[in-house]
Amino acid sequence: MSERKDTELATHKSAEKRSRQNERRRQRNVATKSHVKKRVKTVIASVDSKDEGNAKEMLLSAVKVIDKAAGKGVLHKNTASRKISRLTKKVNALSKTAG
């Protein structure tokens, strides 16, 4: 990621600090969202390959990461809940077709 130079726009010391804080938070949020997307993709890949055991394991891992992101305020709680619900439905559908 390229580093932003928002501090040049700020003229007050407090505004420069706020700009630095916002940039650190933005980078942290981007990293967290990326982690969530990566975990979601692993669940979907497991479902697509019809690997039920691995899909359930990956689902638990993804749910943990999504809940953590929601708890930190990176994702809205309803968005997190929706993601978890959709992933769970996919994994459960896999269980029904296998059994």
Protein backbone atom coordinates (compact mmCIF):
# COMPACT_ATOMS: atom_id res chain seq x y z
CA MET A 1 0.00 0.00 0.00
CA SER A 2 1.17 3.48 -0.73
CA GLU A 3 1.50 5.79 2.20
CA ARG A 4 -0.78 8.80 2.11
CA LYS A 5 0.55 12.25 2.83
CA ASP A 6 -2.56 13.72 4.46
CA THR A 7 -0.43 15.39 7.11
CA GLU A 8 0.60 17.98 4.51
CA LEU A 9 -2.98 19.16 4.27
CA ALA A 10 -3.37 19.61 8.02
CA THR A 11 -2.26 22.93 9.41
CA HIS A 12 -2.71 22.43 13.16
CA LYS A 13 -0.69 20.07 15.27
CA SER A 14 -3.84 18.32 16.49
CA ALA A 15 -5.11 17.94 12.91
CA GLU A 16 -1.80 16.39 11.86
CA LYS A 17 -2.02 13.91 14.74
CA ARG A 18 -5.62 13.08 13.85
CA SER A 19 -4.53 12.47 10.26
CA ARG A 20 -1.77 10.09 11.39
CA GLN A 21 -4.20 8.22 13.64
CA ASN A 22 -6.76 7.92 10.85
CA GLU A 23 -4.14 6.51 8.48
CA ARG A 24 -3.04 3.88 11.02
CA ARG A 25 -6.65 2.88 11.63
CA ARG A 26 -7.39 2.75 7.90
CA GLN A 27 -4.46 0.41 7.33
CA ARG A 28 -5.54 -1.79 10.24
CA ASN A 29 -9.11 -1.94 8.87
CA VAL A 30 -7.89 -2.81 5.38
CA ALA A 31 -5.76 -5.64 6.80
CA THR A 32 -8.66 -6.97 8.88
CA LYS A 33 -11.09 -6.88 5.95
CA SER A 34 -8.53 -8.66 3.79
CA HIS A 35 -8.16 -11.36 6.44
CA VAL A 36 -11.95 -11.81 6.56
CA LYS A 37 -12.17 -12.09 2.76
CA LYS A 38 -9.37 -14.66 2.71
CA ARG A 39 -11.12 -16.84 5.30
CA VAL A 40 -14.46 -16.57 3.48
CA LYS A 41 -12.78 -17.68 0.24
CA THR A 42 -11.31 -20.74 1.96
CA VAL A 43 -14.78 -21.77 3.15
CA ILE A 44 -16.27 -21.30 -0.31
CA ALA A 45 -13.39 -23.23 -1.90
CA SER A 46 -13.98 -26.13 0.53
CA VAL A 47 -17.69 -26.13 -0.25
CA ASP A 48 -16.99 -26.07 -4.01
CA SER A 49 -14.63 -29.03 -3.67
CA LYS A 50 -17.34 -30.81 -1.62
CA ASP A 51 -14.95 -31.40 1.29
CA GLU A 52 -17.45 -31.41 4.16
CA GLY A 53 -14.98 -31.92 7.02
CA ASN A 54 -12.63 -29.20 5.84
CA ALA A 55 -15.56 -26.87 5.10
CA LYS A 56 -16.83 -27.14 8.68
CA GLU A 57 -13.36 -26.53 10.05
CA MET A 58 -12.84 -23.51 7.79
CA LEU A 59 -16.30 -22.20 8.73
CA LEU A 60 -15.41 -22.15 12.42
CA SER A 61 -12.22 -20.30 11.61
CA ALA A 62 -14.05 -17.79 9.39
CA VAL A 63 -16.78 -17.17 11.98
CA LYS A 64 -14.15 -16.38 14.59
CA VAL A 65 -12.42 -13.85 12.33
CA ILE A 66 -15.71 -12.24 11.23
CA ASP A 67 -16.94 -11.92 14.82
CA LYS A 68 -13.64 -10.37 15.86
CA ALA A 69 -13.84 -7.83 13.02
CA ALA A 70 -17.39 -6.93 14.05
CA GLY A 71 -16.35 -6.58 17.68
CA LYS A 72 -13.59 -4.15 16.72
CA GLY A 73 -16.00 -2.11 14.60
CA VAL A 74 -14.35 -2.94 11.27
CA LEU A 75 -17.54 -4.64 10.09
CA HIS A 76 -21.07 -3.69 11.13
CA LYS A 77 -22.65 -6.35 13.33
CA ASN A 78 -25.45 -6.99 10.83
CA THR A 79 -22.96 -7.36 7.98
CA ALA A 80 -20.99 -9.87 10.04
CA SER A 81 -24.15 -11.76 10.92
CA ARG A 82 -25.20 -11.88 7.26
CA LYS A 83 -21.80 -13.19 6.15
CA ILE A 84 -21.83 -15.90 8.82
CA SER A 85 -25.40 -16.88 7.96
CA ARG A 86 -24.67 -17.24 4.26
CA LEU A 87 -21.52 -19.27 4.84
CA THR A 88 -23.30 -21.53 7.32
CA LYS A 89 -26.12 -22.14 4.84
CA LYS A 90 -23.61 -23.20 2.18
CA VAL A 91 -21.82 -25.60 4.53
CA ASN A 92 -25.11 -27.05 5.80
CA ALA A 93 -26.36 -27.54 2.24
CA LEU A 94 -23.19 -29.51 1.57
CA SER A 95 -23.96 -31.75 4.56
CA LYS A 96 -27.50 -32.41 3.30
CA THR A 97 -26.41 -33.36 -0.21
CA ALA A 98 -23.65 -35.64 1.10
CA GLY A 99 -25.88 -37.46 3.56
